[in-house]
Structure formats: structure tokens, C-alpha cells
Amino acid sequence: MTTKFVSAAELMAKVLGMPNYQFSVIEHPMSSATDEQLQRQAMSVIEDIGQLMIES
């Protein structure tokens, strides 16, 4: 999920009955990010997923 779409994702989760649904967020837009920025964002998502798995 990119920062631009967080509010839409939160609303969708609420509508689907999962108001506390957790997801990882990266900077928007991705299309203009450098390879280094994309790699940092990917690592951030991997860390978030690991943490979400531990908490579940």
C-alpha cells in the first residue's frame, strides 16, 4: 500500500468487517523511485510482514 491510498484501504477494511486490518505502507509514488529507494521500501515491507506474523 502506498501512502496515497491508506485512507481508501482503511475504509475498505472497515466496510469488509475488519476495521483493525494491518498492512504495510510505503511512500507514494513508486514509479519515480530510484532502485535504492525501492530496495529500502521492499526491506521495510519485509520487516513489517515479519512483525505482523509474530503478532498474529
C-alpha atoms as a PDB file:
ATOM      1  CA  MET A   1       0.000   0.000   0.000  1.00  0.00           C
ATOM      2  CA  THR A   2       1.345   3.452  -0.790  1.00  0.00           C
ATOM      3  CA  THR A   3       0.768   6.481   1.414  1.00  0.00           C
ATOM      4  CA  LYS A   4      -1.712   7.949  -1.070  1.00  0.00           C
ATOM      5  CA  PHE A   5      -4.125   5.025  -0.693  1.00  0.00           C
ATOM      6  CA  VAL A   6      -4.037   4.405   3.071  1.00  0.00           C
ATOM      7  CA  SER A   7      -7.381   6.065   3.760  1.00  0.00           C
ATOM      8  CA  ALA A   8      -9.055   4.050   0.975  1.00  0.00           C
ATOM      9  CA  ALA A   9      -7.573   0.820   2.332  1.00  0.00           C
ATOM     10  CA  GLU A  10      -8.694   1.623   5.878  1.00  0.00           C
ATOM     11  CA  LEU A  11     -12.212   2.360   4.639  1.00  0.00           C
ATOM     12  CA  MET A  12     -12.327  -0.866   2.617  1.00  0.00           C
ATOM     13  CA  ALA A  13     -11.135  -2.886   5.603  1.00  0.00           C
ATOM     14  CA  LYS A  14     -13.848  -1.312   7.749  1.00  0.00           C
ATOM     15  CA  VAL A  15     -16.547  -1.984   5.119  1.00  0.00           C
ATOM     16  CA  LEU A  16     -15.404  -5.613   4.904  1.00  0.00           C
ATOM     17  CA  GLY A  17     -15.716  -6.016   8.667  1.00  0.00           C
ATOM     18  CA  MET A  18     -12.001  -5.886   9.501  1.00  0.00           C
ATOM     19  CA  PRO A  19     -11.507  -2.352  10.896  1.00  0.00           C
ATOM     20  CA  ASN A  20      -8.195  -3.244  12.556  1.00  0.00           C
ATOM     21  CA  TYR A  21      -6.660  -4.898   9.474  1.00  0.00           C
ATOM     22  CA  GLN A  22      -2.922  -4.267   9.422  1.00  0.00           C
ATOM     23  CA  PHE A  23      -0.926  -3.549   6.270  1.00  0.00           C
ATOM     24  CA  SER A  24       2.453  -2.191   5.310  1.00  0.00           C
ATOM     25  CA  VAL A  25       2.745   1.315   3.862  1.00  0.00           C
ATOM     26  CA  ILE A  26       5.416   2.668   1.535  1.00  0.00           C
ATOM     27  CA  GLU A  27       5.955   6.108   0.034  1.00  0.00           C
ATOM     28  CA  HIS A  28       3.969   7.243  -2.989  1.00  0.00           C
ATOM     29  CA  PRO A  29       4.625   7.336  -5.882  1.00  0.00           C
ATOM     30  CA  MET A  30       6.625   4.225  -6.633  1.00  0.00           C
ATOM     31  CA  SER A  31       7.001   4.939 -10.341  1.00  0.00           C
ATOM     32  CA  SER A  32       9.554   7.698  -9.805  1.00  0.00           C
ATOM     33  CA  ALA A  33      11.527   5.945  -7.034  1.00  0.00           C
ATOM     34  CA  THR A  34      15.132   5.020  -7.638  1.00  0.00           C
ATOM     35  CA  ASP A  35      16.342   1.444  -7.385  1.00  0.00           C
ATOM     36  CA  GLU A  36      17.824   2.243  -3.971  1.00  0.00           C
ATOM     37  CA  GLN A  37      14.556   3.731  -2.738  1.00  0.00           C
ATOM     38  CA  LEU A  38      12.610   0.725  -3.991  1.00  0.00           C
ATOM     39  CA  GLN A  39      15.033  -1.634  -2.274  1.00  0.00           C
ATOM     40  CA  ARG A  40      14.639   0.274   1.024  1.00  0.00           C
ATOM     41  CA  GLN A  41      10.871   0.184   0.687  1.00  0.00           C
ATOM     42  CA  ALA A  42      10.908  -3.547  -0.078  1.00  0.00           C
ATOM     43  CA  MET A  43      13.019  -4.212   3.006  1.00  0.00           C
ATOM     44  CA  SER A  44      10.617  -2.141   5.076  1.00  0.00           C
ATOM     45  CA  VAL A  45       7.683  -4.224   3.832  1.00  0.00           C
ATOM     46  CA  ILE A  46       9.543  -7.453   4.621  1.00  0.00           C
ATOM     47  CA  GLU A  47      10.171  -6.218   8.172  1.00  0.00           C
ATOM     48  CA  ASP A  48       6.507  -5.207   8.539  1.00  0.00           C
ATOM     49  CA  ILE A  49       5.309  -8.602   7.329  1.00  0.00           C
ATOM     50  CA  GLY A  50       7.616 -10.347   9.785  1.00  0.00           C
ATOM     51  CA  GLN A  51       6.257  -8.242  12.636  1.00  0.00           C
ATOM     52  CA  LEU A  52       2.654  -8.863  11.587  1.00  0.00           C
ATOM     53  CA  MET A  53       3.300 -12.607  11.520  1.00  0.00           C
ATOM     54  CA  ILE A  54       4.767 -12.500  15.022  1.00  0.00           C
ATOM     55  CA  GLU A  55       1.782 -10.535  16.342  1.00  0.00           C
ATOM     56  CA  SER A  56      -0.790 -12.880  14.789  1.00  0.00           C
END
